[in-house]
Amino acid sequence: MSIRNLFIATVAIVAIGTGAWLSYQLMSPSAPPQWATVLPAHGELPEFALLDQSGQPFGRDGFEGRWDLVFFGFTHCPDICPATLQVLASARTQLAEAGQQPLPRIVLVSVDPERDTPELLSQYVGYFGDDIIGITGDLDELQKLTRGLGIFFQKAAPDGDNYSVDHSAVVLVINPNGQLHALFSAPHKIENFVHDLPIIMSGR
């Protein structure tokens, strides 16, 4: 084979190999989530009976039919709760601007049902934008949900109505089947949710 023909053959082989590599890259699945922990077995939610911010009943079936980002907190929380809700709302806005569909709903479950009435929750979650709901209700019913999900909360140094509540800072991802699908541990950053949620919600 002449040097010219050998050169042409080499270029063709390289081109074919490069094309195959590009095709593989395009067809291969995306990288797994970097910050979220996706559960190998999706956990079923327990039965519970609470109220949403409109005073309407909200139970296990309220989590069915869409993706939810669930955070446990309370309206009198001075820093962690509003900061986390702002991160989630900002991440959702960025996902919407990027054309992500579906978009997750944001759910605040109050761990302070003594003070967090539906009316107060409605006013509070409204500060963080649209498609954010609050859930509150009887303490026993709340504990059914938190115990089933492994969420900790406890009054800290109670002094009448002037008290705080210690609680888990994890953000749970509930899938449209109403199952615990994944979780994000603190500290929470906007870019972590923006990167991982499309991967999680696509089922990859």
N, C-alpha and C. Protein backbone atom coordinates (compact mmCIF):
# COMPACT_ATOMS: atom_id res chain seq x y z
N MET A 1 0.85 -1.19 0.00
CA MET A 1 0.00 0.00 0.00
C MET A 1 0.88 1.24 0.00
N SER A 2 0.55 2.21 -0.84
CA SER A 2 1.36 3.44 -0.92
C SER A 2 1.17 4.24 0.35
N ILE A 3 2.11 5.19 0.58
CA ILE A 3 2.03 6.04 1.77
C ILE A 3 0.75 6.86 1.74
N ARG A 4 0.37 7.33 0.50
CA ARG A 4 -0.84 8.16 0.38
C ARG A 4 -2.08 7.35 0.76
N ASN A 5 -2.18 6.11 0.25
CA ASN A 5 -3.33 5.26 0.56
C ASN A 5 -3.35 4.87 2.04
N LEU A 6 -2.15 4.66 2.62
CA LEU A 6 -2.07 4.33 4.04
C LEU A 6 -2.57 5.50 4.89
N PHE A 7 -2.21 6.72 4.47
CA PHE A 7 -2.65 7.92 5.19
C PHE A 7 -4.17 8.06 5.12
N ILE A 8 -4.73 7.85 3.90
CA ILE A 8 -6.18 7.96 3.74
C ILE A 8 -6.89 6.92 4.59
N ALA A 9 -6.37 5.69 4.60
CA ALA A 9 -6.99 4.63 5.40
C ALA A 9 -6.94 4.95 6.88
N THR A 10 -5.81 5.51 7.34
CA THR A 10 -5.66 5.87 8.75
C THR A 10 -6.66 6.94 9.15
N VAL A 11 -6.81 7.97 8.28
CA VAL A 11 -7.76 9.05 8.55
C VAL A 11 -9.18 8.50 8.63
N ALA A 12 -9.52 7.57 7.72
CA ALA A 12 -10.86 6.98 7.72
C ALA A 12 -11.13 6.22 8.99
N ILE A 13 -10.12 5.44 9.43
CA ILE A 13 -10.29 4.66 10.66
C ILE A 13 -10.49 5.58 11.86
N VAL A 14 -9.68 6.66 11.91
CA VAL A 14 -9.80 7.62 13.01
C VAL A 14 -11.18 8.29 12.99
N ALA A 15 -11.65 8.65 11.79
CA ALA A 15 -12.96 9.30 11.67
C ALA A 15 -14.08 8.38 12.12
N ILE A 16 -13.98 7.10 11.69
CA ILE A 16 -15.00 6.13 12.10
C ILE A 16 -14.98 5.94 13.61
N GLY A 17 -13.76 5.85 14.15
CA GLY A 17 -13.64 5.68 15.59
C GLY A 17 -14.17 6.88 16.35
N THR A 18 -13.88 8.09 15.87
CA THR A 18 -14.36 9.30 16.53
C THR A 18 -15.88 9.38 16.46
N GLY A 19 -16.45 9.03 15.31
CA GLY A 19 -17.90 9.06 15.18
C GLY A 19 -18.56 8.07 16.12
N ALA A 20 -17.98 6.89 16.22
CA ALA A 20 -18.53 5.89 17.13
C ALA A 20 -18.45 6.37 18.57
N TRP A 21 -17.35 7.03 18.92
CA TRP A 21 -17.19 7.53 20.29
C TRP A 21 -18.22 8.60 20.60
N LEU A 22 -18.44 9.53 19.63
CA LEU A 22 -19.43 10.58 19.84
C LEU A 22 -20.83 10.00 19.97
N SER A 23 -21.14 8.99 19.14
CA SER A 23 -22.45 8.36 19.23
C SER A 23 -22.64 7.70 20.58
N TYR A 24 -21.59 7.07 21.07
CA TYR A 24 -21.67 6.43 22.38
C TYR A 24 -21.93 7.45 23.47
N GLN A 25 -21.20 8.59 23.38
CA GLN A 25 -21.38 9.63 24.39
C GLN A 25 -22.80 10.18 24.39
N LEU A 26 -23.37 10.36 23.21
CA LEU A 26 -24.72 10.92 23.11
C LEU A 26 -25.78 9.92 23.57
N MET A 27 -25.54 8.64 23.34
CA MET A 27 -26.54 7.63 23.67
C MET A 27 -26.39 7.11 25.09
N SER A 28 -25.23 7.32 25.69
CA SER A 28 -25.03 6.80 27.04
C SER A 28 -25.80 7.62 28.05
N PRO A 29 -26.23 7.03 29.15
CA PRO A 29 -27.01 7.76 30.16
C PRO A 29 -26.18 8.85 30.82
N SER A 30 -26.87 9.87 31.31
CA SER A 30 -26.20 10.96 31.98
C SER A 30 -25.57 10.47 33.27
N ALA A 31 -24.65 11.28 33.79
CA ALA A 31 -24.01 10.94 35.05
C ALA A 31 -25.06 10.92 36.16
N PRO A 32 -24.83 10.13 37.18
CA PRO A 32 -25.79 10.06 38.28
C PRO A 32 -25.80 11.37 39.07
N PRO A 33 -26.81 11.59 39.90
CA PRO A 33 -26.83 12.79 40.73
C PRO A 33 -25.56 12.90 41.57
N GLN A 34 -25.09 14.11 41.75
CA GLN A 34 -23.85 14.31 42.48
C GLN A 34 -24.06 14.60 43.95
N TRP A 35 -25.19 15.20 44.30
CA TRP A 35 -25.40 15.61 45.69
C TRP A 35 -26.57 14.89 46.34
N ALA A 36 -27.55 14.46 45.58
CA ALA A 36 -28.69 13.76 46.16
C ALA A 36 -28.37 12.29 46.38
N THR A 37 -29.01 11.71 47.37
CA THR A 37 -28.93 10.28 47.60
C THR A 37 -30.22 9.66 47.08
N VAL A 38 -30.12 8.89 46.01
CA VAL A 38 -31.28 8.22 45.45
C VAL A 38 -31.43 6.86 46.13
N LEU A 39 -32.58 6.60 46.68
CA LEU A 39 -32.78 5.36 47.42
C LEU A 39 -32.92 4.18 46.47
N PRO A 40 -32.23 3.08 46.74
CA PRO A 40 -32.33 1.91 45.86
C PRO A 40 -33.73 1.30 45.85
N ALA A 41 -34.42 1.42 46.98
CA ALA A 41 -35.81 0.95 47.07
C ALA A 41 -36.65 2.12 47.54
N HIS A 42 -37.61 2.53 46.74
CA HIS A 42 -38.41 3.69 47.07
C HIS A 42 -39.33 3.38 48.25
N GLY A 43 -39.30 4.25 49.26
CA GLY A 43 -40.04 4.00 50.49
C GLY A 43 -41.49 4.46 50.42
N GLU A 44 -42.40 3.63 50.89
CA GLU A 44 -43.81 3.98 50.94
C GLU A 44 -44.05 4.95 52.10
N LEU A 45 -44.89 5.95 51.88
CA LEU A 45 -45.22 6.88 52.94
C LEU A 45 -46.26 6.27 53.87
N PRO A 46 -46.21 6.65 55.15
CA PRO A 46 -47.23 6.14 56.08
C PRO A 46 -48.56 6.86 55.87
N GLU A 47 -49.60 6.31 56.41
CA GLU A 47 -50.89 6.97 56.40
C GLU A 47 -50.89 8.08 57.46
N PHE A 48 -51.43 9.25 57.10
CA PHE A 48 -51.53 10.35 58.05
C PHE A 48 -52.66 11.27 57.60
N ALA A 49 -53.12 12.12 58.51
CA ALA A 49 -54.22 13.04 58.20
C ALA A 49 -53.88 14.43 58.74
N LEU A 50 -53.43 15.31 57.86
CA LEU A 50 -53.07 16.66 58.23
C LEU A 50 -53.90 17.65 57.40
N LEU A 51 -53.56 18.94 57.47
CA LEU A 51 -54.27 19.98 56.74
C LEU A 51 -53.28 20.80 55.93
N ASP A 52 -53.72 21.26 54.74
CA ASP A 52 -52.86 22.15 53.98
C ASP A 52 -53.12 23.59 54.42
N GLN A 53 -52.44 24.55 53.75
CA GLN A 53 -52.53 25.94 54.18
C GLN A 53 -53.91 26.55 53.93
N SER A 54 -54.75 25.85 53.20
CA SER A 54 -56.12 26.31 52.98
C SER A 54 -57.11 25.66 53.95
N GLY A 55 -56.59 24.82 54.84
CA GLY A 55 -57.45 24.13 55.79
C GLY A 55 -58.08 22.88 55.24
N GLN A 56 -57.64 22.45 54.05
CA GLN A 56 -58.18 21.25 53.42
C GLN A 56 -57.40 20.01 53.87
N PRO A 57 -58.09 18.87 53.98
CA PRO A 57 -57.40 17.64 54.40
C PRO A 57 -56.25 17.29 53.45
N PHE A 58 -55.16 16.85 54.03
CA PHE A 58 -53.99 16.44 53.25
C PHE A 58 -53.44 15.17 53.87
N GLY A 59 -53.50 14.09 53.08
CA GLY A 59 -52.99 12.80 53.53
C GLY A 59 -51.96 12.26 52.56
N ARG A 60 -51.71 10.98 52.66
CA ARG A 60 -50.68 10.36 51.83
C ARG A 60 -50.95 10.55 50.34
N ASP A 61 -52.22 10.50 49.94
CA ASP A 61 -52.53 10.65 48.52
C ASP A 61 -52.28 12.06 48.01
N GLY A 62 -52.07 13.01 48.91
CA GLY A 62 -51.75 14.37 48.49
C GLY A 62 -50.39 14.48 47.83
N PHE A 63 -49.56 13.47 48.04
CA PHE A 63 -48.23 13.45 47.43
C PHE A 63 -48.20 12.68 46.12
N GLU A 64 -49.34 12.21 45.65
CA GLU A 64 -49.36 11.43 44.43
C GLU A 64 -49.64 12.30 43.21
N GLY A 65 -49.05 11.93 42.08
CA GLY A 65 -49.34 12.61 40.83
C GLY A 65 -48.34 13.66 40.39
N ARG A 66 -47.34 13.94 41.23
CA ARG A 66 -46.34 14.93 40.85
C ARG A 66 -45.11 14.76 41.73
N TRP A 67 -44.02 15.42 41.34
CA TRP A 67 -42.80 15.42 42.13
C TRP A 67 -42.89 16.50 43.21
N ASP A 68 -42.43 16.17 44.41
CA ASP A 68 -42.45 17.12 45.52
C ASP A 68 -41.09 17.20 46.19
N LEU A 69 -40.73 18.42 46.59
CA LEU A 69 -39.57 18.65 47.45
C LEU A 69 -40.13 18.99 48.82
N VAL A 70 -39.86 18.14 49.80
CA VAL A 70 -40.49 18.26 51.11
C VAL A 70 -39.44 18.64 52.16
N PHE A 71 -39.74 19.73 52.87
CA PHE A 71 -38.86 20.21 53.93
C PHE A 71 -39.67 20.36 55.21
N PHE A 72 -39.10 19.93 56.33
CA PHE A 72 -39.76 20.03 57.62
C PHE A 72 -39.18 21.23 58.37
N GLY A 73 -40.05 22.17 58.73
CA GLY A 73 -39.59 23.37 59.41
C GLY A 73 -40.75 24.05 60.12
N PHE A 74 -40.60 25.35 60.41
CA PHE A 74 -41.68 26.07 61.09
C PHE A 74 -41.54 27.56 60.82
N THR A 75 -42.64 28.29 60.95
CA THR A 75 -42.68 29.69 60.52
C THR A 75 -41.90 30.61 61.45
N HIS A 76 -41.69 30.22 62.71
CA HIS A 76 -40.93 31.06 63.63
C HIS A 76 -39.43 30.79 63.55
N CYS A 77 -39.03 29.93 62.68
CA CYS A 77 -37.60 29.60 62.50
C CYS A 77 -36.87 30.85 62.01
N PRO A 78 -35.78 31.26 62.68
CA PRO A 78 -35.13 32.52 62.34
C PRO A 78 -34.23 32.48 61.12
N ASP A 79 -33.70 31.32 60.75
CA ASP A 79 -32.70 31.34 59.68
C ASP A 79 -32.75 30.13 58.75
N ILE A 80 -32.60 28.93 59.28
CA ILE A 80 -32.46 27.75 58.43
C ILE A 80 -33.67 27.54 57.53
N CYS A 81 -34.86 27.65 58.10
CA CYS A 81 -36.07 27.37 57.32
C CYS A 81 -36.28 28.37 56.19
N PRO A 82 -36.26 29.69 56.45
CA PRO A 82 -36.44 30.61 55.33
C PRO A 82 -35.32 30.52 54.31
N ALA A 83 -34.10 30.27 54.78
CA ALA A 83 -32.98 30.15 53.83
C ALA A 83 -33.16 28.93 52.94
N THR A 84 -33.60 27.81 53.50
CA THR A 84 -33.81 26.59 52.71
C THR A 84 -34.94 26.77 51.71
N LEU A 85 -36.04 27.37 52.14
CA LEU A 85 -37.16 27.60 51.24
C LEU A 85 -36.77 28.54 50.10
N GLN A 86 -35.93 29.52 50.39
CA GLN A 86 -35.48 30.43 49.34
C GLN A 86 -34.58 29.71 48.34
N VAL A 87 -33.74 28.81 48.83
CA VAL A 87 -32.90 28.00 47.94
C VAL A 87 -33.78 27.15 47.02
N LEU A 88 -34.78 26.50 47.59
CA LEU A 88 -35.66 25.65 46.79
C LEU A 88 -36.44 26.47 45.77
N ALA A 89 -36.95 27.62 46.19
CA ALA A 89 -37.71 28.46 45.27
C ALA A 89 -36.82 28.98 44.14
N SER A 90 -35.59 29.37 44.46
CA SER A 90 -34.67 29.87 43.43
C SER A 90 -34.27 28.75 42.47
N ALA A 91 -34.05 27.56 43.00
CA ALA A 91 -33.71 26.42 42.14
C ALA A 91 -34.87 26.10 41.21
N ARG A 92 -36.07 26.15 41.72
CA ARG A 92 -37.25 25.89 40.89
C ARG A 92 -37.37 26.94 39.78
N THR A 93 -37.11 28.20 40.11
CA THR A 93 -37.16 29.26 39.11
C THR A 93 -36.13 29.02 38.01
N GLN A 94 -34.92 28.65 38.39
CA GLN A 94 -33.87 28.39 37.40
C GLN A 94 -34.23 27.19 36.52
N LEU A 95 -34.82 26.18 37.11
CA LEU A 95 -35.23 25.02 36.32
C LEU A 95 -36.32 25.41 35.32
N ALA A 96 -37.24 26.26 35.75
CA ALA A 96 -38.31 26.72 34.85
C ALA A 96 -37.73 27.52 33.70
N GLU A 97 -36.76 28.39 33.99
CA GLU A 97 -36.14 29.20 32.95
C GLU A 97 -35.37 28.35 31.96
N ALA A 98 -34.88 27.19 32.42
CA ALA A 98 -34.14 26.28 31.55
C ALA A 98 -35.06 25.36 30.76
N GLY A 99 -36.38 25.47 31.01
CA GLY A 99 -37.33 24.64 30.28
C GLY A 99 -37.59 23.28 30.88
N GLN A 100 -37.19 23.07 32.13
CA GLN A 100 -37.40 21.78 32.77
C GLN A 100 -38.88 21.50 32.97
N GLN A 101 -39.29 20.31 32.58
CA GLN A 101 -40.64 19.83 32.83
C GLN A 101 -40.55 18.35 33.17
N PRO A 102 -41.23 17.91 34.21
CA PRO A 102 -42.09 18.69 35.11
C PRO A 102 -41.27 19.49 36.10
N LEU A 103 -41.92 20.43 36.77
CA LEU A 103 -41.29 21.18 37.85
C LEU A 103 -41.80 20.63 39.18
N PRO A 104 -40.93 20.52 40.16
CA PRO A 104 -41.37 19.99 41.45
C PRO A 104 -42.15 21.03 42.25
N ARG A 105 -43.10 20.56 43.02
CA ARG A 105 -43.77 21.41 43.99
C ARG A 105 -42.93 21.45 45.26
N ILE A 106 -42.99 22.54 46.00
CA ILE A 106 -42.27 22.68 47.26
C ILE A 106 -43.29 22.56 48.40
N VAL A 107 -42.98 21.71 49.36
CA VAL A 107 -43.90 21.45 50.47
C VAL A 107 -43.18 21.69 51.80
N LEU A 108 -43.72 22.60 52.60
CA LEU A 108 -43.22 22.82 53.96
C LEU A 108 -44.15 22.11 54.93
N VAL A 109 -43.62 21.14 55.65
CA VAL A 109 -44.39 20.46 56.69
C VAL A 109 -43.99 21.06 58.03
N SER A 110 -44.95 21.65 58.74
CA SER A 110 -44.63 22.32 60.00
C SER A 110 -44.36 21.31 61.11
N VAL A 111 -43.24 21.53 61.83
CA VAL A 111 -42.95 20.73 63.03
C VAL A 111 -43.32 21.53 64.28
N ASP A 112 -44.12 22.57 64.08
CA ASP A 112 -44.60 23.40 65.18
C ASP A 112 -46.12 23.61 65.03
N PRO A 113 -46.89 22.51 65.09
CA PRO A 113 -48.33 22.63 64.84
C PRO A 113 -49.08 23.44 65.89
N GLU A 114 -48.46 23.65 67.07
CA GLU A 114 -49.11 24.46 68.10
C GLU A 114 -49.30 25.91 67.64
N ARG A 115 -48.31 26.45 66.95
CA ARG A 115 -48.38 27.84 66.52
C ARG A 115 -48.70 27.99 65.04
N ASP A 116 -48.32 27.00 64.22
CA ASP A 116 -48.48 27.13 62.77
C ASP A 116 -49.87 26.68 62.33
N THR A 117 -50.79 27.62 62.34
CA THR A 117 -52.14 27.37 61.84
C THR A 117 -52.11 27.38 60.32
N PRO A 118 -53.13 26.84 59.67
CA PRO A 118 -53.18 26.94 58.20
C PRO A 118 -53.10 28.38 57.71
N GLU A 119 -53.74 29.30 58.41
CA GLU A 119 -53.72 30.71 57.99
C GLU A 119 -52.31 31.28 58.05
N LEU A 120 -51.57 30.99 59.12
CA LEU A 120 -50.21 31.48 59.25
C LEU A 120 -49.31 30.85 58.20
N LEU A 121 -49.48 29.56 57.96
CA LEU A 121 -48.69 28.88 56.94
C LEU A 121 -48.95 29.46 55.56
N SER A 122 -50.21 29.75 55.26
CA SER A 122 -50.56 30.32 53.96
C SER A 122 -49.84 31.63 53.72
N GLN A 123 -49.81 32.48 54.73
CA GLN A 123 -49.12 33.76 54.61
C GLN A 123 -47.62 33.55 54.46
N TYR A 124 -47.08 32.61 55.22
CA TYR A 124 -45.64 32.39 55.23
C TYR A 124 -45.13 31.83 53.90
N VAL A 125 -45.76 30.76 53.41
CA VAL A 125 -45.25 30.15 52.17
C VAL A 125 -45.45 31.08 50.98
N GLY A 126 -46.41 32.01 51.08
CA GLY A 126 -46.64 32.95 49.99
C GLY A 126 -45.46 33.86 49.73
N TYR A 127 -44.60 34.03 50.75
CA TYR A 127 -43.42 34.87 50.57
C TYR A 127 -42.43 34.28 49.58
N PHE A 128 -42.51 32.98 49.35
CA PHE A 128 -41.48 32.28 48.57
C PHE A 128 -41.92 31.94 47.15
N GLY A 129 -43.06 32.44 46.72
CA GLY A 129 -43.47 32.24 45.34
C GLY A 129 -44.64 31.30 45.19
N ASP A 130 -44.87 30.90 43.95
CA ASP A 130 -46.01 30.04 43.62
C ASP A 130 -45.66 28.57 43.78
N ASP A 131 -46.70 27.76 43.82
CA ASP A 131 -46.59 26.31 43.89
C ASP A 131 -45.78 25.85 45.09
N ILE A 132 -45.97 26.56 46.20
CA ILE A 132 -45.40 26.16 47.49
C ILE A 132 -46.56 26.00 48.46
N ILE A 133 -46.66 24.86 49.10
CA ILE A 133 -47.76 24.64 50.03
C ILE A 133 -47.21 24.36 51.42
N GLY A 134 -48.05 24.60 52.42
CA GLY A 134 -47.70 24.30 53.80
C GLY A 134 -48.65 23.26 54.36
N ILE A 135 -48.15 22.44 55.26
CA ILE A 135 -48.95 21.38 55.87
C ILE A 135 -48.78 21.45 57.38
N THR A 136 -49.88 21.35 58.09
CA THR A 136 -49.85 21.37 59.54
C THR A 136 -50.98 20.48 60.05
N GLY A 137 -51.18 20.46 61.38
CA GLY A 137 -52.27 19.65 61.90
C GLY A 137 -51.97 19.08 63.27
N ASP A 138 -52.68 18.05 63.62
CA ASP A 138 -52.55 17.42 64.93
C ASP A 138 -51.15 16.82 65.12
N LEU A 139 -50.59 17.00 66.32
CA LEU A 139 -49.25 16.51 66.60
C LEU A 139 -49.13 15.00 66.40
N ASP A 140 -50.12 14.25 66.83
CA ASP A 140 -50.05 12.79 66.67
C ASP A 140 -50.00 12.39 65.20
N GLU A 141 -50.78 13.09 64.38
CA GLU A 141 -50.78 12.78 62.95
C GLU A 141 -49.45 13.19 62.30
N LEU A 142 -48.89 14.31 62.76
CA LEU A 142 -47.59 14.74 62.26
C LEU A 142 -46.52 13.71 62.58
N GLN A 143 -46.57 13.17 63.79
CA GLN A 143 -45.57 12.18 64.19
C GLN A 143 -45.68 10.89 63.40
N LYS A 144 -46.87 10.56 62.92
CA LYS A 144 -47.00 9.39 62.05
C LYS A 144 -46.15 9.58 60.79
N LEU A 145 -46.19 10.80 60.25
CA LEU A 145 -45.43 11.09 59.04
C LEU A 145 -43.94 11.16 59.33
N THR A 146 -43.56 11.92 60.37
CA THR A 146 -42.13 12.11 60.63
C THR A 146 -41.45 10.80 61.04
N ARG A 147 -42.10 10.01 61.85
CA ARG A 147 -41.50 8.73 62.25
C ARG A 147 -41.35 7.80 61.06
N GLY A 148 -42.35 7.81 60.19
CA GLY A 148 -42.27 6.96 59.01
C GLY A 148 -41.17 7.35 58.06
N LEU A 149 -40.77 8.64 58.11
CA LEU A 149 -39.72 9.12 57.21
C LEU A 149 -38.37 9.31 57.91
N GLY A 150 -38.33 9.05 59.20
CA GLY A 150 -37.08 9.21 59.93
C GLY A 150 -36.71 10.66 60.18
N ILE A 151 -37.70 11.52 60.30
CA ILE A 151 -37.48 12.94 60.55
C ILE A 151 -37.54 13.23 62.04
N PHE A 152 -36.53 13.91 62.56
CA PHE A 152 -36.46 14.26 63.97
C PHE A 152 -36.95 15.69 64.18
N PHE A 153 -37.71 15.91 65.27
CA PHE A 153 -38.01 17.27 65.71
C PHE A 153 -38.33 17.25 67.19
N GLN A 154 -38.00 18.36 67.85
CA GLN A 154 -38.20 18.44 69.30
C GLN A 154 -38.12 19.89 69.74
N LYS A 155 -39.00 20.28 70.65
CA LYS A 155 -38.95 21.63 71.20
C LYS A 155 -37.61 21.84 71.90
N ALA A 156 -37.03 23.02 71.70
CA ALA A 156 -35.75 23.35 72.34
C ALA A 156 -35.99 24.42 73.39
N ALA A 157 -35.67 24.11 74.65
CA ALA A 157 -35.80 25.05 75.76
C ALA A 157 -37.15 25.76 75.74
N PRO A 158 -38.24 25.02 75.85
CA PRO A 158 -39.56 25.66 75.80
C PRO A 158 -39.76 26.64 76.95
N ASP A 159 -40.30 27.79 76.65
CA ASP A 159 -40.60 28.82 77.65
C ASP A 159 -41.90 29.49 77.25
N GLY A 160 -43.01 28.84 77.59
CA GLY A 160 -44.30 29.35 77.16
C GLY A 160 -44.41 29.29 75.65
N ASP A 161 -44.84 30.40 75.06
CA ASP A 161 -44.96 30.47 73.60
C ASP A 161 -43.65 30.87 72.94
N ASN A 162 -42.65 31.19 73.74
CA ASN A 162 -41.35 31.60 73.20
C ASN A 162 -40.40 30.41 73.20
N TYR A 163 -40.40 29.67 72.10
CA TYR A 163 -39.55 28.48 72.01
C TYR A 163 -39.13 28.28 70.57
N SER A 164 -38.10 27.47 70.41
CA SER A 164 -37.66 27.07 69.08
C SER A 164 -37.90 25.58 68.93
N VAL A 165 -37.66 25.06 67.74
CA VAL A 165 -37.84 23.63 67.48
C VAL A 165 -36.61 23.11 66.74
N ASP A 166 -35.94 22.16 67.33
CA ASP A 166 -34.84 21.49 66.64
C ASP A 166 -35.45 20.48 65.67
N HIS A 167 -34.88 20.39 64.46
CA HIS A 167 -35.47 19.47 63.49
C HIS A 167 -34.45 19.09 62.42
N SER A 168 -34.72 17.99 61.75
CA SER A 168 -33.88 17.56 60.63
C SER A 168 -33.94 18.59 59.52
N ALA A 169 -32.80 18.80 58.85
CA ALA A 169 -32.73 19.81 57.79
C ALA A 169 -32.71 19.20 56.40
N VAL A 170 -32.97 17.91 56.29
CA VAL A 170 -32.93 17.22 55.00
C VAL A 170 -34.11 17.66 54.13
N VAL A 171 -33.91 17.66 52.81
CA VAL A 171 -34.99 17.88 51.85
C VAL A 171 -35.28 16.54 51.18
N LEU A 172 -36.52 16.12 51.28
CA LEU A 172 -36.93 14.83 50.71
C LEU A 172 -37.52 15.02 49.32
N VAL A 173 -37.26 14.08 48.43
CA VAL A 173 -37.85 14.08 47.09
C VAL A 173 -38.87 12.96 47.04
N ILE A 174 -40.15 13.34 46.86
CA ILE A 174 -41.23 12.37 46.77
C ILE A 174 -41.65 12.24 45.31
N ASN A 175 -41.70 11.03 44.80
CA ASN A 175 -42.02 10.83 43.38
C ASN A 175 -43.54 10.81 43.15
N PRO A 176 -43.98 10.83 41.89
CA PRO A 176 -45.43 10.88 41.61
C PRO A 176 -46.23 9.68 42.11
N ASN A 177 -45.56 8.61 42.50
CA ASN A 177 -46.25 7.48 43.09
C ASN A 177 -46.44 7.64 44.60
N GLY A 178 -46.04 8.81 45.11
CA GLY A 178 -46.16 9.05 46.54
C GLY A 178 -45.15 8.28 47.35
N GLN A 179 -43.95 8.08 46.80
CA GLN A 179 -42.91 7.32 47.48
C GLN A 179 -41.69 8.20 47.74
N LEU A 180 -40.99 7.93 48.83
CA LEU A 180 -39.73 8.60 49.11
C LEU A 180 -38.70 8.10 48.11
N HIS A 181 -38.23 8.99 47.25
CA HIS A 181 -37.39 8.61 46.12
C HIS A 181 -35.92 8.95 46.34
N ALA A 182 -35.67 10.12 46.94
CA ALA A 182 -34.30 10.58 47.13
C ALA A 182 -34.28 11.63 48.23
N LEU A 183 -33.09 12.04 48.63
CA LEU A 183 -32.98 13.09 49.64
C LEU A 183 -31.72 13.91 49.43
N PHE A 184 -31.81 15.17 49.81
CA PHE A 184 -30.67 16.09 49.79
C PHE A 184 -30.33 16.45 51.24
N SER A 185 -29.09 16.23 51.62
CA SER A 185 -28.64 16.61 52.96
C SER A 185 -28.12 18.04 52.96
N ALA A 186 -28.19 18.68 54.12
CA ALA A 186 -27.66 20.04 54.26
C ALA A 186 -26.12 19.98 54.23
N PRO A 187 -25.46 21.08 53.85
CA PRO A 187 -26.01 22.39 53.49
C PRO A 187 -26.61 22.38 52.08
N HIS A 188 -27.66 23.17 51.89
CA HIS A 188 -28.37 23.17 50.63
C HIS A 188 -27.90 24.33 49.75
N LYS A 189 -27.64 24.01 48.47
CA LYS A 189 -27.21 25.02 47.51
C LYS A 189 -28.08 24.93 46.26
N ILE A 190 -28.36 26.09 45.70
CA ILE A 190 -29.23 26.15 44.52
C ILE A 190 -28.72 25.25 43.41
N GLU A 191 -27.42 25.35 43.13
CA GLU A 191 -26.86 24.61 41.99
C GLU A 191 -26.95 23.11 42.17
N ASN A 192 -26.95 22.63 43.41
CA ASN A 192 -27.08 21.19 43.65
C ASN A 192 -28.44 20.67 43.18
N PHE A 193 -29.49 21.42 43.50
CA PHE A 193 -30.84 21.02 43.09
C PHE A 193 -31.01 21.18 41.57
N VAL A 194 -30.47 22.26 41.02
CA VAL A 194 -30.60 22.50 39.58
C VAL A 194 -29.92 21.40 38.78
N HIS A 195 -28.79 20.91 39.27
CA HIS A 195 -28.07 19.84 38.56
C HIS A 195 -28.74 18.49 38.72
N ASP A 196 -29.13 18.15 39.95
CA ASP A 196 -29.56 16.77 40.24
C ASP A 196 -31.03 16.49 39.95
N LEU A 197 -31.88 17.48 40.14
CA LEU A 197 -33.32 17.20 40.01
C LEU A 197 -33.72 16.72 38.60
N PRO A 198 -33.23 17.35 37.52
CA PRO A 198 -33.60 16.83 36.21
C PRO A 198 -33.20 15.37 36.00
N ILE A 199 -32.06 14.98 36.56
CA ILE A 199 -31.61 13.60 36.45
C ILE A 199 -32.55 12.67 37.23
N ILE A 200 -32.88 13.09 38.44
CA ILE A 200 -33.76 12.28 39.28
C ILE A 200 -35.14 12.14 38.65
N MET A 201 -35.70 13.26 38.17
CA MET A 201 -37.06 13.23 37.67
C MET A 201 -37.17 12.57 36.30
N SER A 202 -36.04 12.43 35.61
CA SER A 202 -36.07 11.75 34.32
C SER A 202 -36.00 10.24 34.48
N GLY A 203 -35.71 9.81 35.70
CA GLY A 203 -35.64 8.36 35.96
C GLY A 203 -34.33 7.75 35.58
N ARG A 204 -33.31 8.59 35.27
CA ARG A 204 -32.02 8.04 34.89
C ARG A 204 -31.19 7.68 36.11
